[in-house]
Amino acid sequence: MNKVMLLGRLTRDPEVRYTQANNTLVCQFTLAVNRRFKQEGQPDADFINIVAWNKTGEFCSKYFAKGQQVAVCGRIQTRNYDDK
């Protein structure tokens, strides 16, 4: 099972764009999630990139703003990029 719940603040206003293939709405924003325990030399928060599609993305773009605290439920997907 791949399910995650995050509570944090938006680092900037959500960005909306549409895919070229089928004109699907995509909303992207970054969530700053505070760490429970502070370790020396480590940042106080983790910055998680969030992508919302279609109606969920439309909702996020309409009601979310920079600095607002929000809860996000979804799944985590990681990607790797190797540069030549």
C-alpha atoms as a PDB file:
ATOM      1  CA  MET A   1       0.000   0.000   0.000  1.00  0.00           C
ATOM      2  CA  ASN A   2       1.338   3.435  -0.950  1.00  0.00           C
ATOM      3  CA  LYS A   3      -0.551   6.102   1.011  1.00  0.00           C
ATOM      4  CA  VAL A   4       0.746   9.261   2.666  1.00  0.00           C
ATOM      5  CA  MET A   5      -0.782  12.096   4.688  1.00  0.00           C
ATOM      6  CA  LEU A   6       1.119  15.392   4.888  1.00  0.00           C
ATOM      7  CA  LEU A   7       0.387  18.554   6.857  1.00  0.00           C
ATOM      8  CA  GLY A   8       2.376  21.648   6.006  1.00  0.00           C
ATOM      9  CA  ARG A   9       2.453  25.135   4.528  1.00  0.00           C
ATOM     10  CA  LEU A  10       2.585  26.133   0.875  1.00  0.00           C
ATOM     11  CA  THR A  11       5.903  27.739  -0.083  1.00  0.00           C
ATOM     12  CA  ARG A  12       4.339  29.597  -3.042  1.00  0.00           C
ATOM     13  CA  ASP A  13       1.038  29.922  -4.880  1.00  0.00           C
ATOM     14  CA  PRO A  14       0.019  26.849  -6.914  1.00  0.00           C
ATOM     15  CA  GLU A  15       0.971  26.863 -10.608  1.00  0.00           C
ATOM     16  CA  VAL A  16      -1.569  25.650 -13.170  1.00  0.00           C
ATOM     17  CA  ARG A  17      -0.813  24.344 -16.638  1.00  0.00           C
ATOM     18  CA  TYR A  18      -2.461  22.065 -19.176  1.00  0.00           C
ATOM     19  CA  THR A  19      -0.984  19.018 -20.898  1.00  0.00           C
ATOM     20  CA  GLN A  20      -0.414  19.282 -24.651  1.00  0.00           C
ATOM     21  CA  ALA A  21      -1.738  15.823 -25.476  1.00  0.00           C
ATOM     22  CA  ASN A  22      -5.282  16.054 -24.121  1.00  0.00           C
ATOM     23  CA  ASN A  23      -5.516  19.471 -22.413  1.00  0.00           C
ATOM     24  CA  THR A  24      -5.668  18.007 -18.877  1.00  0.00           C
ATOM     25  CA  LEU A  25      -5.276  20.441 -15.962  1.00  0.00           C
ATOM     26  CA  VAL A  26      -2.142  19.963 -13.829  1.00  0.00           C
ATOM     27  CA  CYS A  27      -1.562  21.935 -10.612  1.00  0.00           C
ATOM     28  CA  GLN A  28       1.869  21.955  -8.925  1.00  0.00           C
ATOM     29  CA  PHE A  29       2.964  23.373  -5.589  1.00  0.00           C
ATOM     30  CA  THR A  30       5.514  22.721  -2.845  1.00  0.00           C
ATOM     31  CA  LEU A  31       4.598  21.832   0.719  1.00  0.00           C
ATOM     32  CA  ALA A  32       6.975  22.591   3.619  1.00  0.00           C
ATOM     33  CA  VAL A  33       6.468  19.885   6.257  1.00  0.00           C
ATOM     34  CA  ASN A  34       8.088  20.555   9.635  1.00  0.00           C
ATOM     35  CA  ARG A  35      10.166  17.802  11.165  1.00  0.00           C
ATOM     36  CA  ARG A  36       9.125  16.502  14.538  1.00  0.00           C
ATOM     37  CA  PHE A  37      12.670  16.287  15.894  1.00  0.00           C
ATOM     38  CA  LYS A  38      15.405  18.744  14.989  1.00  0.00           C
ATOM     39  CA  GLN A  39      18.827  17.272  14.244  1.00  0.00           C
ATOM     40  CA  GLU A  40      21.963  19.378  14.334  1.00  0.00           C
ATOM     41  CA  GLY A  41      23.025  20.445  10.852  1.00  0.00           C
ATOM     42  CA  GLN A  42      19.734  19.320   9.269  1.00  0.00           C
ATOM     43  CA  PRO A  43      16.954  21.551   7.887  1.00  0.00           C
ATOM     44  CA  ASP A  44      13.864  22.093  10.049  1.00  0.00           C
ATOM     45  CA  ALA A  45      11.472  21.124   7.260  1.00  0.00           C
ATOM     46  CA  ASP A  46      11.166  18.778   4.310  1.00  0.00           C
ATOM     47  CA  PHE A  47      10.016  20.327   1.035  1.00  0.00           C
ATOM     48  CA  ILE A  48       7.691  18.007  -0.868  1.00  0.00           C
ATOM     49  CA  ASN A  49       6.641  18.682  -4.467  1.00  0.00           C
ATOM     50  CA  ILE A  50       2.928  18.018  -4.979  1.00  0.00           C
ATOM     51  CA  VAL A  51       1.113  17.409  -8.286  1.00  0.00           C
ATOM     52  CA  ALA A  52      -2.704  17.452  -8.465  1.00  0.00           C
ATOM     53  CA  TRP A  53      -4.677  16.545 -11.594  1.00  0.00           C
ATOM     54  CA  ASN A  54      -8.080  17.491 -13.064  1.00  0.00           C
ATOM     55  CA  LYS A  55     -10.769  18.505 -10.511  1.00  0.00           C
ATOM     56  CA  THR A  56      -8.417  18.164  -7.530  1.00  0.00           C
ATOM     57  CA  GLY A  57      -5.930  20.471  -9.253  1.00  0.00           C
ATOM     58  CA  GLU A  58      -8.700  22.940 -10.048  1.00  0.00           C
ATOM     59  CA  PHE A  59      -9.724  22.969  -6.366  1.00  0.00           C
ATOM     60  CA  CYS A  60      -6.116  23.521  -5.234  1.00  0.00           C
ATOM     61  CA  SER A  61      -5.547  26.383  -7.665  1.00  0.00           C
ATOM     62  CA  LYS A  62      -8.771  28.089  -6.580  1.00  0.00           C
ATOM     63  CA  TYR A  63      -8.519  27.787  -2.787  1.00  0.00           C
ATOM     64  CA  PHE A  64      -4.811  27.375  -1.912  1.00  0.00           C
ATOM     65  CA  ALA A  65      -2.406  30.301  -1.425  1.00  0.00           C
ATOM     66  CA  LYS A  66       1.193  30.829  -0.300  1.00  0.00           C
ATOM     67  CA  GLY A  67       1.686  30.377   3.456  1.00  0.00           C
ATOM     68  CA  GLN A  68      -1.614  28.574   3.959  1.00  0.00           C
ATOM     69  CA  GLN A  69      -1.547  25.385   6.033  1.00  0.00           C
ATOM     70  CA  VAL A  70      -3.064  22.420   4.200  1.00  0.00           C
ATOM     71  CA  ALA A  71      -3.372  18.662   4.601  1.00  0.00           C
ATOM     72  CA  VAL A  72      -2.694  16.464   1.569  1.00  0.00           C
ATOM     73  CA  CYS A  73      -3.553  12.774   1.196  1.00  0.00           C
ATOM     74  CA  GLY A  74      -2.207  10.754  -1.700  1.00  0.00           C
ATOM     75  CA  ARG A  75       0.623   8.498  -2.790  1.00  0.00           C
ATOM     76  CA  ILE A  76       4.357   9.039  -3.125  1.00  0.00           C
ATOM     77  CA  GLN A  77       6.078   8.599  -6.462  1.00  0.00           C
ATOM     78  CA  THR A  78       9.821   9.094  -6.856  1.00  0.00           C
ATOM     79  CA  ARG A  79      11.799   9.594 -10.055  1.00  0.00           C
ATOM     80  CA  ASN A  80      15.474   9.562 -10.949  1.00  0.00           C
ATOM     81  CA  TYR A  81      17.224  11.584 -13.618  1.00  0.00           C
ATOM     82  CA  ASP A  82      20.705  10.759 -14.932  1.00  0.00           C
ATOM     83  CA  ASP A  83      22.457  13.522 -16.826  1.00  0.00           C
ATOM     84  CA  LYS A  84      24.790  12.634 -19.710  1.00  0.00           C
END
